[in-house]
Amino acid sequence: MKELTKAEEQIMQVIWDNEEILIKDVIDHLPEPRPAYNTVGTFMKILESKGFVSRRKIANTFIYSQVIEKKVYTKKFMNGILGRYFDDSVENLLSFMVDEKKLDLKQVEALIKKRKGND
């Protein structure tokens, strides 16, 4: 599975939030300044060629839907980040998050307790 570019990921977030969607509806869900219809159409073709979306024709338009679920992509993406930047170590990732003040030790402890309670 290939990684998404920032623009592709932004479009996929909209697709993941909808079961099926038209290009014009994707555009409506994107932030301002919204890209042109043809631009989004080009990205949809790229996403289709990468295997992220499929399309079916109804009348004179295409309806798009996800092929790869968000959870599946997130897992692959995060495993890639973990491997490339943190030597496949969750401990290194958590240390980084604490050092960057994105997470504090109390939050880490609460997460651990919560996870233990779900086992």
N, C-alpha and C. Protein backbone atom coordinates (compact mmCIF):
# COMPACT_ATOMS: atom_id res chain seq x y z
N MET A 1 0.84 -1.17 0.00
CA MET A 1 0.00 0.00 0.00
C MET A 1 0.89 1.24 0.00
N LYS A 2 0.60 2.16 -0.89
CA LYS A 2 1.38 3.39 -0.97
C LYS A 2 0.89 4.39 0.06
N GLU A 3 1.79 5.30 0.46
CA GLU A 3 1.39 6.37 1.37
C GLU A 3 0.68 7.46 0.58
N LEU A 4 -0.18 8.16 1.26
CA LEU A 4 -0.92 9.26 0.65
C LEU A 4 -0.13 10.56 0.78
N THR A 5 -0.26 11.40 -0.24
CA THR A 5 0.28 12.76 -0.11
C THR A 5 -0.67 13.53 0.80
N LYS A 6 -0.27 14.72 1.21
CA LYS A 6 -1.11 15.53 2.09
C LYS A 6 -2.46 15.83 1.44
N ALA A 7 -2.46 16.20 0.16
CA ALA A 7 -3.71 16.51 -0.54
C ALA A 7 -4.57 15.25 -0.70
N GLU A 8 -3.96 14.13 -1.02
CA GLU A 8 -4.70 12.87 -1.15
C GLU A 8 -5.32 12.47 0.19
N GLU A 9 -4.56 12.65 1.25
CA GLU A 9 -5.06 12.29 2.57
C GLU A 9 -6.25 13.17 2.96
N GLN A 10 -6.18 14.44 2.62
CA GLN A 10 -7.28 15.36 2.92
C GLN A 10 -8.56 14.90 2.21
N ILE A 11 -8.43 14.47 0.98
CA ILE A 11 -9.58 13.97 0.23
C ILE A 11 -10.05 12.64 0.81
N MET A 12 -9.12 11.77 1.17
CA MET A 12 -9.49 10.48 1.74
C MET A 12 -10.23 10.65 3.07
N GLN A 13 -9.85 11.64 3.85
CA GLN A 13 -10.57 11.88 5.11
C GLN A 13 -12.05 12.12 4.84
N VAL A 14 -12.35 12.85 3.78
CA VAL A 14 -13.74 13.11 3.40
C VAL A 14 -14.40 11.80 2.94
N ILE A 15 -13.70 11.04 2.14
CA ILE A 15 -14.26 9.77 1.65
C ILE A 15 -14.50 8.81 2.80
N TRP A 16 -13.55 8.73 3.74
CA TRP A 16 -13.71 7.84 4.89
C TRP A 16 -14.92 8.22 5.74
N ASP A 17 -15.27 9.49 5.75
CA ASP A 17 -16.42 9.94 6.54
C ASP A 17 -17.75 9.71 5.83
N ASN A 18 -17.70 9.25 4.58
CA ASN A 18 -18.91 9.04 3.78
C ASN A 18 -18.86 7.66 3.13
N GLU A 19 -19.99 6.99 3.09
CA GLU A 19 -20.02 5.66 2.48
C GLU A 19 -19.75 5.74 0.98
N GLU A 20 -20.48 6.60 0.33
CA GLU A 20 -20.30 6.86 -1.11
C GLU A 20 -20.38 8.36 -1.31
N ILE A 21 -19.65 8.86 -2.30
CA ILE A 21 -19.60 10.31 -2.45
C ILE A 21 -19.30 10.70 -3.89
N LEU A 22 -19.87 11.82 -4.29
CA LEU A 22 -19.61 12.42 -5.60
C LEU A 22 -18.48 13.43 -5.46
N ILE A 23 -17.81 13.73 -6.56
CA ILE A 23 -16.72 14.71 -6.52
C ILE A 23 -17.21 16.04 -5.98
N LYS A 24 -18.38 16.48 -6.43
CA LYS A 24 -18.87 17.79 -5.96
C LYS A 24 -19.10 17.81 -4.45
N ASP A 25 -19.47 16.66 -3.88
CA ASP A 25 -19.66 16.57 -2.44
C ASP A 25 -18.33 16.55 -1.69
N VAL A 26 -17.32 15.93 -2.30
CA VAL A 26 -15.97 15.98 -1.72
C VAL A 26 -15.54 17.44 -1.62
N ILE A 27 -15.71 18.17 -2.69
CA ILE A 27 -15.32 19.59 -2.73
C ILE A 27 -16.03 20.37 -1.63
N ASP A 28 -17.32 20.11 -1.45
CA ASP A 28 -18.10 20.82 -0.42
C ASP A 28 -17.56 20.58 0.99
N HIS A 29 -16.91 19.44 1.22
CA HIS A 29 -16.38 19.10 2.54
C HIS A 29 -14.95 19.59 2.77
N LEU A 30 -14.31 20.10 1.73
CA LEU A 30 -12.93 20.57 1.86
C LEU A 30 -12.91 22.02 2.33
N PRO A 31 -11.85 22.40 3.05
CA PRO A 31 -11.76 23.78 3.55
C PRO A 31 -11.48 24.77 2.42
N GLU A 32 -11.79 26.02 2.68
CA GLU A 32 -11.49 27.10 1.75
C GLU A 32 -9.98 27.34 1.72
N PRO A 33 -9.41 27.73 0.64
CA PRO A 33 -10.02 27.83 -0.69
C PRO A 33 -10.19 26.44 -1.29
N ARG A 34 -11.36 26.15 -1.76
CA ARG A 34 -11.66 24.83 -2.30
C ARG A 34 -11.04 24.66 -3.69
N PRO A 35 -10.51 23.47 -3.95
CA PRO A 35 -9.92 23.22 -5.26
C PRO A 35 -11.00 23.11 -6.34
N ALA A 36 -10.57 23.25 -7.57
CA ALA A 36 -11.48 23.13 -8.72
C ALA A 36 -11.94 21.68 -8.88
N TYR A 37 -13.09 21.52 -9.51
CA TYR A 37 -13.67 20.21 -9.76
C TYR A 37 -12.66 19.30 -10.47
N ASN A 38 -12.01 19.84 -11.52
CA ASN A 38 -11.04 19.03 -12.29
C ASN A 38 -9.86 18.60 -11.43
N THR A 39 -9.44 19.43 -10.51
CA THR A 39 -8.32 19.10 -9.63
C THR A 39 -8.70 17.92 -8.73
N VAL A 40 -9.88 17.98 -8.13
CA VAL A 40 -10.33 16.89 -7.28
C VAL A 40 -10.54 15.63 -8.12
N GLY A 41 -11.06 15.80 -9.33
CA GLY A 41 -11.23 14.66 -10.24
C GLY A 41 -9.91 13.97 -10.53
N THR A 42 -8.88 14.75 -10.73
CA THR A 42 -7.54 14.19 -10.97
C THR A 42 -7.06 13.41 -9.75
N PHE A 43 -7.25 13.98 -8.56
CA PHE A 43 -6.86 13.28 -7.34
C PHE A 43 -7.66 11.99 -7.17
N MET A 44 -8.92 12.01 -7.53
CA MET A 44 -9.74 10.79 -7.41
C MET A 44 -9.20 9.69 -8.34
N LYS A 45 -8.77 10.08 -9.53
CA LYS A 45 -8.18 9.10 -10.45
C LYS A 45 -6.89 8.53 -9.87
N ILE A 46 -6.09 9.38 -9.25
CA ILE A 46 -4.84 8.93 -8.62
C ILE A 46 -5.15 7.98 -7.47
N LEU A 47 -6.13 8.35 -6.64
CA LEU A 47 -6.51 7.49 -5.51
C LEU A 47 -7.06 6.16 -6.00
N GLU A 48 -7.75 6.18 -7.12
CA GLU A 48 -8.25 4.93 -7.70
C GLU A 48 -7.08 4.07 -8.20
N SER A 49 -6.11 4.72 -8.86
CA SER A 49 -4.96 3.96 -9.38
C SER A 49 -4.10 3.40 -8.26
N LYS A 50 -4.09 4.07 -7.10
CA LYS A 50 -3.34 3.59 -5.93
C LYS A 50 -4.12 2.53 -5.16
N GLY A 51 -5.38 2.32 -5.53
CA GLY A 51 -6.18 1.29 -4.89
C GLY A 51 -6.91 1.74 -3.64
N PHE A 52 -7.01 3.05 -3.42
CA PHE A 52 -7.69 3.56 -2.23
C PHE A 52 -9.19 3.71 -2.41
N VAL A 53 -9.62 4.00 -3.63
CA VAL A 53 -11.05 4.19 -3.90
C VAL A 53 -11.46 3.39 -5.12
N SER A 54 -12.75 3.15 -5.20
CA SER A 54 -13.32 2.57 -6.42
C SER A 54 -14.44 3.50 -6.86
N ARG A 55 -14.83 3.35 -8.09
CA ARG A 55 -15.91 4.20 -8.58
C ARG A 55 -16.87 3.36 -9.41
N ARG A 56 -18.11 3.82 -9.43
CA ARG A 56 -19.10 3.20 -10.29
C ARG A 56 -19.90 4.31 -10.95
N LYS A 57 -20.29 4.05 -12.17
CA LYS A 57 -20.98 5.07 -12.95
C LYS A 57 -22.49 4.95 -12.77
N ILE A 58 -23.09 6.08 -12.51
CA ILE A 58 -24.55 6.18 -12.47
C ILE A 58 -24.91 7.36 -13.36
N ALA A 59 -25.68 7.06 -14.40
CA ALA A 59 -26.04 8.07 -15.40
C ALA A 59 -24.75 8.66 -15.97
N ASN A 60 -24.55 9.96 -15.81
CA ASN A 60 -23.35 10.58 -16.39
C ASN A 60 -22.35 11.02 -15.33
N THR A 61 -22.38 10.39 -14.17
CA THR A 61 -21.45 10.76 -13.11
C THR A 61 -20.91 9.52 -12.41
N PHE A 62 -19.85 9.71 -11.66
CA PHE A 62 -19.25 8.62 -10.90
C PHE A 62 -19.48 8.81 -9.41
N ILE A 63 -19.74 7.71 -8.74
CA ILE A 63 -19.84 7.68 -7.29
C ILE A 63 -18.62 6.92 -6.78
N TYR A 64 -17.93 7.52 -5.82
CA TYR A 64 -16.70 6.95 -5.28
C TYR A 64 -16.94 6.37 -3.89
N SER A 65 -16.20 5.32 -3.58
CA SER A 65 -16.25 4.74 -2.24
C SER A 65 -14.86 4.22 -1.88
N GLN A 66 -14.64 4.08 -0.59
CA GLN A 66 -13.34 3.62 -0.10
C GLN A 66 -13.12 2.16 -0.45
N VAL A 67 -11.89 1.81 -0.72
CA VAL A 67 -11.47 0.42 -0.86
C VAL A 67 -10.66 0.05 0.38
N ILE A 68 -9.83 0.98 0.82
CA ILE A 68 -9.00 0.77 2.01
C ILE A 68 -9.62 1.56 3.17
N GLU A 69 -9.92 0.86 4.24
CA GLU A 69 -10.52 1.51 5.41
C GLU A 69 -9.50 2.39 6.11
N LYS A 70 -10.02 3.41 6.77
CA LYS A 70 -9.16 4.35 7.49
C LYS A 70 -8.30 3.64 8.53
N LYS A 71 -8.88 2.70 9.27
CA LYS A 71 -8.14 1.99 10.32
C LYS A 71 -6.98 1.20 9.72
N VAL A 72 -7.19 0.59 8.57
CA VAL A 72 -6.13 -0.19 7.90
C VAL A 72 -4.99 0.74 7.48
N TYR A 73 -5.35 1.88 6.87
CA TYR A 73 -4.32 2.83 6.44
C TYR A 73 -3.58 3.41 7.65
N THR A 74 -4.33 3.78 8.68
CA THR A 74 -3.72 4.36 9.87
C THR A 74 -2.71 3.41 10.49
N LYS A 75 -3.07 2.14 10.57
CA LYS A 75 -2.16 1.13 11.14
C LYS A 75 -0.87 1.05 10.32
N LYS A 76 -1.00 0.98 8.99
CA LYS A 76 0.19 0.89 8.14
C LYS A 76 1.03 2.16 8.25
N PHE A 77 0.36 3.31 8.23
CA PHE A 77 1.07 4.59 8.32
C PHE A 77 1.81 4.72 9.65
N MET A 78 1.13 4.40 10.74
CA MET A 78 1.76 4.53 12.05
C MET A 78 2.89 3.52 12.23
N ASN A 79 2.72 2.31 11.71
CA ASN A 79 3.82 1.35 11.77
C ASN A 79 5.02 1.84 10.98
N GLY A 80 4.77 2.52 9.87
CA GLY A 80 5.86 3.10 9.09
C GLY A 80 6.57 4.20 9.85
N ILE A 81 5.81 5.08 10.47
CA ILE A 81 6.40 6.16 11.29
C ILE A 81 7.21 5.55 12.44
N LEU A 82 6.62 4.57 13.10
CA LEU A 82 7.30 3.92 14.22
C LEU A 82 8.63 3.32 13.77
N GLY A 83 8.63 2.67 12.62
CA GLY A 83 9.84 2.04 12.11
C GLY A 83 10.88 3.04 11.63
N ARG A 84 10.43 4.04 10.87
CA ARG A 84 11.37 5.00 10.27
C ARG A 84 11.96 5.98 11.27
N TYR A 85 11.17 6.39 12.25
CA TYR A 85 11.61 7.46 13.14
C TYR A 85 11.87 7.05 14.58
N PHE A 86 11.35 5.88 15.00
CA PHE A 86 11.45 5.51 16.40
C PHE A 86 11.99 4.10 16.61
N ASP A 87 12.71 3.57 15.62
CA ASP A 87 13.34 2.25 15.72
C ASP A 87 12.36 1.16 16.16
N ASP A 88 11.13 1.24 15.65
CA ASP A 88 10.07 0.27 15.99
C ASP A 88 9.80 0.19 17.49
N SER A 89 10.03 1.28 18.20
CA SER A 89 9.88 1.29 19.66
C SER A 89 8.76 2.24 20.07
N VAL A 90 7.71 1.69 20.66
CA VAL A 90 6.63 2.51 21.19
C VAL A 90 7.16 3.37 22.33
N GLU A 91 8.10 2.82 23.09
CA GLU A 91 8.71 3.58 24.18
C GLU A 91 9.38 4.85 23.65
N ASN A 92 10.12 4.71 22.53
CA ASN A 92 10.76 5.89 21.91
C ASN A 92 9.71 6.89 21.44
N LEU A 93 8.62 6.41 20.88
CA LEU A 93 7.54 7.29 20.43
C LEU A 93 6.93 8.03 21.62
N LEU A 94 6.62 7.31 22.69
CA LEU A 94 6.04 7.95 23.87
C LEU A 94 7.01 8.95 24.49
N SER A 95 8.29 8.62 24.53
CA SER A 95 9.29 9.55 25.06
C SER A 95 9.32 10.82 24.23
N PHE A 96 9.26 10.66 22.92
CA PHE A 96 9.23 11.81 22.03
C PHE A 96 8.00 12.68 22.31
N MET A 97 6.84 12.04 22.44
CA MET A 97 5.60 12.77 22.68
C MET A 97 5.64 13.53 24.01
N VAL A 98 6.23 12.91 25.03
CA VAL A 98 6.37 13.57 26.33
C VAL A 98 7.36 14.73 26.21
N ASP A 99 8.50 14.51 25.55
CA ASP A 99 9.50 15.56 25.37
C ASP A 99 8.94 16.75 24.61
N GLU A 100 8.06 16.47 23.64
CA GLU A 100 7.47 17.54 22.81
C GLU A 100 6.23 18.16 23.47
N LYS A 101 5.93 17.71 24.68
CA LYS A 101 4.80 18.20 25.45
C LYS A 101 3.46 17.97 24.75
N LYS A 102 3.38 16.89 23.99
CA LYS A 102 2.14 16.47 23.34
C LYS A 102 1.39 15.49 24.23
N LEU A 103 2.11 14.99 25.23
CA LEU A 103 1.56 13.99 26.14
C LEU A 103 2.33 14.13 27.44
N ASP A 104 1.62 14.05 28.57
CA ASP A 104 2.37 14.08 29.83
C ASP A 104 2.32 12.70 30.48
N LEU A 105 3.17 12.53 31.48
CA LEU A 105 3.30 11.21 32.11
C LEU A 105 1.99 10.73 32.73
N LYS A 106 1.19 11.65 33.26
CA LYS A 106 -0.11 11.26 33.83
C LYS A 106 -1.02 10.70 32.75
N GLN A 107 -0.97 11.30 31.56
CA GLN A 107 -1.78 10.79 30.45
C GLN A 107 -1.31 9.39 30.04
N VAL A 108 0.00 9.18 30.01
CA VAL A 108 0.56 7.87 29.67
C VAL A 108 0.10 6.83 30.69
N GLU A 109 0.20 7.17 31.96
CA GLU A 109 -0.25 6.26 33.01
C GLU A 109 -1.74 5.95 32.89
N ALA A 110 -2.54 6.96 32.61
CA ALA A 110 -3.98 6.77 32.45
C ALA A 110 -4.28 5.86 31.26
N LEU A 111 -3.52 6.04 30.18
CA LEU A 111 -3.70 5.18 29.00
C LEU A 111 -3.37 3.73 29.32
N ILE A 112 -2.29 3.53 30.06
CA ILE A 112 -1.87 2.17 30.43
C ILE A 112 -2.93 1.52 31.31
N LYS A 113 -3.42 2.26 32.30
CA LYS A 113 -4.47 1.71 33.18
C LYS A 113 -5.73 1.39 32.38
N LYS A 114 -6.08 2.27 31.47
CA LYS A 114 -7.28 2.05 30.66
C LYS A 114 -7.13 0.81 29.78
N ARG A 115 -5.96 0.66 29.17
CA ARG A 115 -5.70 -0.50 28.32
C ARG A 115 -5.71 -1.78 29.13
N LYS A 116 -5.14 -1.76 30.32
CA LYS A 116 -5.13 -2.94 31.18
C LYS A 116 -6.55 -3.32 31.57
N GLY A 117 -7.39 -2.32 31.77
CA GLY A 117 -8.79 -2.57 32.13
C GLY A 117 -9.58 -3.16 30.98
N ASN A 118 -9.11 -2.99 29.73
CA ASN A 118 -9.81 -3.51 28.54
C ASN A 118 -9.36 -4.93 28.18
N ASP A 119 -8.34 -5.42 28.85
CA ASP A 119 -7.82 -6.77 28.54
C ASP A 119 -8.71 -7.86 29.06
